[in-house]
Amino acid sequence: MSTENGTVRLSEAELGGALGERATLVQFSTAFCQPCRATRRVLAEVAGMVDGVAHVEVDAEERLELVRRLEILRTPTVLVLDAGGHVVRRAAGMPRKADVIAALGRAV
């Protein structure tokens, strides 16, 4: 994780998944989180609708160091990354599909 111009940049190695060509939806989840399941469906659906967008799910319990560095306080937490891996939006809780699509507008 690096910081450039005040924005956080995440790498594929840190996330454990490939970044999308245009944007990446990163979801921090835990095994017993009910809203995480619904969030997974919403993000996968949006990623499937928009070319060049990837969805990466991170198990918060397995990646505690990253969770602490990013100050993830609850699951699900969703980060929207631009093509370079910079965090452009962040939201905690289960997002609505329309909100995810709107947030992608800032990244692509």
Protein backbone atom coordinates (compact mmCIF):
# COMPACT_ATOMS: atom_id res chain seq x y z
CA MET A 1 0.00 0.00 0.00
CA SER A 2 1.41 3.34 -0.98
CA THR A 3 0.14 6.89 -0.73
CA GLU A 4 0.37 9.33 -3.63
CA ASN A 5 -1.03 12.87 -3.47
CA GLY A 6 -2.99 11.92 -0.36
CA THR A 7 -4.72 8.94 -1.99
CA VAL A 8 -4.14 5.32 -1.03
CA ARG A 9 -2.97 2.95 -3.76
CA LEU A 10 -3.38 -0.83 -3.42
CA SER A 11 -1.57 -3.48 -5.44
CA GLU A 12 -2.78 -6.82 -6.77
CA ALA A 13 -0.41 -8.57 -4.34
CA GLU A 14 -1.96 -6.78 -1.35
CA LEU A 15 -5.50 -7.57 -2.49
CA GLY A 16 -4.85 -11.15 -3.54
CA GLY A 17 -6.64 -10.60 -6.84
CA ALA A 18 -6.23 -8.91 -10.20
CA LEU A 19 -7.16 -5.25 -10.66
CA GLY A 20 -9.70 -4.44 -13.34
CA GLU A 21 -8.61 -2.63 -16.51
CA ARG A 22 -10.84 0.35 -15.68
CA ALA A 23 -11.79 -0.08 -12.00
CA THR A 24 -11.89 -2.57 -9.14
CA LEU A 25 -14.57 -3.14 -6.51
CA VAL A 26 -12.85 -4.36 -3.34
CA GLN A 27 -15.06 -5.94 -0.68
CA PHE A 28 -13.84 -6.63 2.85
CA SER A 29 -15.93 -9.45 4.34
CA THR A 30 -16.04 -11.92 7.21
CA ALA A 31 -17.32 -15.48 7.17
CA PHE A 32 -20.44 -14.95 9.29
CA CYS A 33 -21.47 -11.54 7.90
CA GLN A 34 -24.98 -11.82 6.39
CA PRO A 35 -24.85 -8.45 4.55
CA CYS A 36 -21.54 -9.54 3.02
CA ARG A 37 -23.31 -12.23 1.00
CA ALA A 38 -25.77 -9.78 -0.49
CA THR A 39 -22.96 -7.30 -1.13
CA ARG A 40 -21.00 -10.01 -2.96
CA ARG A 41 -23.97 -10.57 -5.29
CA VAL A 42 -24.44 -6.83 -5.97
CA LEU A 43 -20.75 -6.21 -6.69
CA ALA A 44 -20.39 -9.31 -8.87
CA GLU A 45 -23.45 -8.26 -10.85
CA VAL A 46 -22.15 -4.72 -11.39
CA ALA A 47 -18.67 -6.00 -12.32
CA GLY A 48 -20.33 -8.31 -14.86
CA MET A 49 -22.28 -5.40 -16.37
CA VAL A 50 -19.42 -2.93 -16.77
CA ASP A 51 -16.49 -3.82 -19.04
CA GLY A 52 -13.07 -3.63 -17.41
CA VAL A 53 -14.37 -3.74 -13.83
CA ALA A 54 -13.20 -6.48 -11.46
CA HIS A 55 -14.60 -7.57 -8.08
CA VAL A 56 -12.10 -8.71 -5.44
CA GLU A 57 -13.25 -10.01 -2.07
CA VAL A 58 -10.84 -9.83 0.86
CA ASP A 59 -11.36 -11.94 4.00
CA ALA A 60 -10.94 -9.35 6.75
CA GLU A 61 -10.05 -11.99 9.35
CA GLU A 62 -7.20 -13.36 7.21
CA ARG A 63 -5.87 -9.91 6.25
CA LEU A 64 -5.85 -8.12 9.62
CA GLU A 65 -2.75 -6.08 8.84
CA LEU A 66 -4.36 -4.62 5.70
CA VAL A 67 -7.65 -4.07 7.57
CA ARG A 68 -5.80 -2.09 10.26
CA ARG A 69 -3.81 -0.01 7.77
CA LEU A 70 -6.98 0.89 5.86
CA GLU A 71 -8.94 1.44 9.10
CA ILE A 72 -11.71 -0.98 8.10
CA LEU A 73 -14.06 -0.90 11.09
CA ARG A 74 -16.93 -3.12 9.91
CA THR A 75 -17.92 -5.56 7.22
CA PRO A 76 -18.87 -5.27 4.53
CA THR A 77 -16.70 -2.33 3.57
CA VAL A 78 -16.37 -1.58 -0.14
CA LEU A 79 -13.55 0.35 -1.78
CA VAL A 80 -13.72 1.55 -5.37
CA LEU A 81 -10.31 1.68 -7.03
CA ASP A 82 -9.43 3.38 -10.30
CA ALA A 83 -7.34 1.64 -12.99
CA GLY A 84 -4.13 2.47 -11.10
CA GLY A 85 -5.37 0.96 -7.83
CA HIS A 86 -6.08 4.31 -6.13
CA VAL A 87 -9.00 4.39 -3.69
CA VAL A 88 -11.55 6.86 -5.06
CA ARG A 89 -14.61 5.89 -2.98
CA ARG A 90 -15.26 4.02 0.23
CA ALA A 91 -18.46 2.87 1.93
CA ALA A 92 -19.35 0.68 4.90
CA GLY A 93 -22.47 -1.47 4.97
CA MET A 94 -24.42 -3.10 2.19
CA PRO A 95 -24.46 -0.84 -0.88
CA ARG A 96 -27.33 -0.38 -3.28
CA LYS A 97 -26.64 -1.33 -6.88
CA ALA A 98 -27.35 2.22 -8.10
CA ASP A 99 -24.85 3.62 -5.59
CA VAL A 100 -22.13 1.22 -6.76
CA ILE A 101 -22.71 2.20 -10.39
CA ALA A 102 -22.59 5.90 -9.44
CA ALA A 103 -19.35 5.37 -7.49
CA LEU A 104 -17.80 3.66 -10.51
CA GLY A 105 -18.42 6.84 -12.45
CA ARG A 106 -15.69 8.51 -10.40
CA ALA A 107 -13.23 5.72 -11.09
CA VAL A 108 -13.56 5.15 -14.84
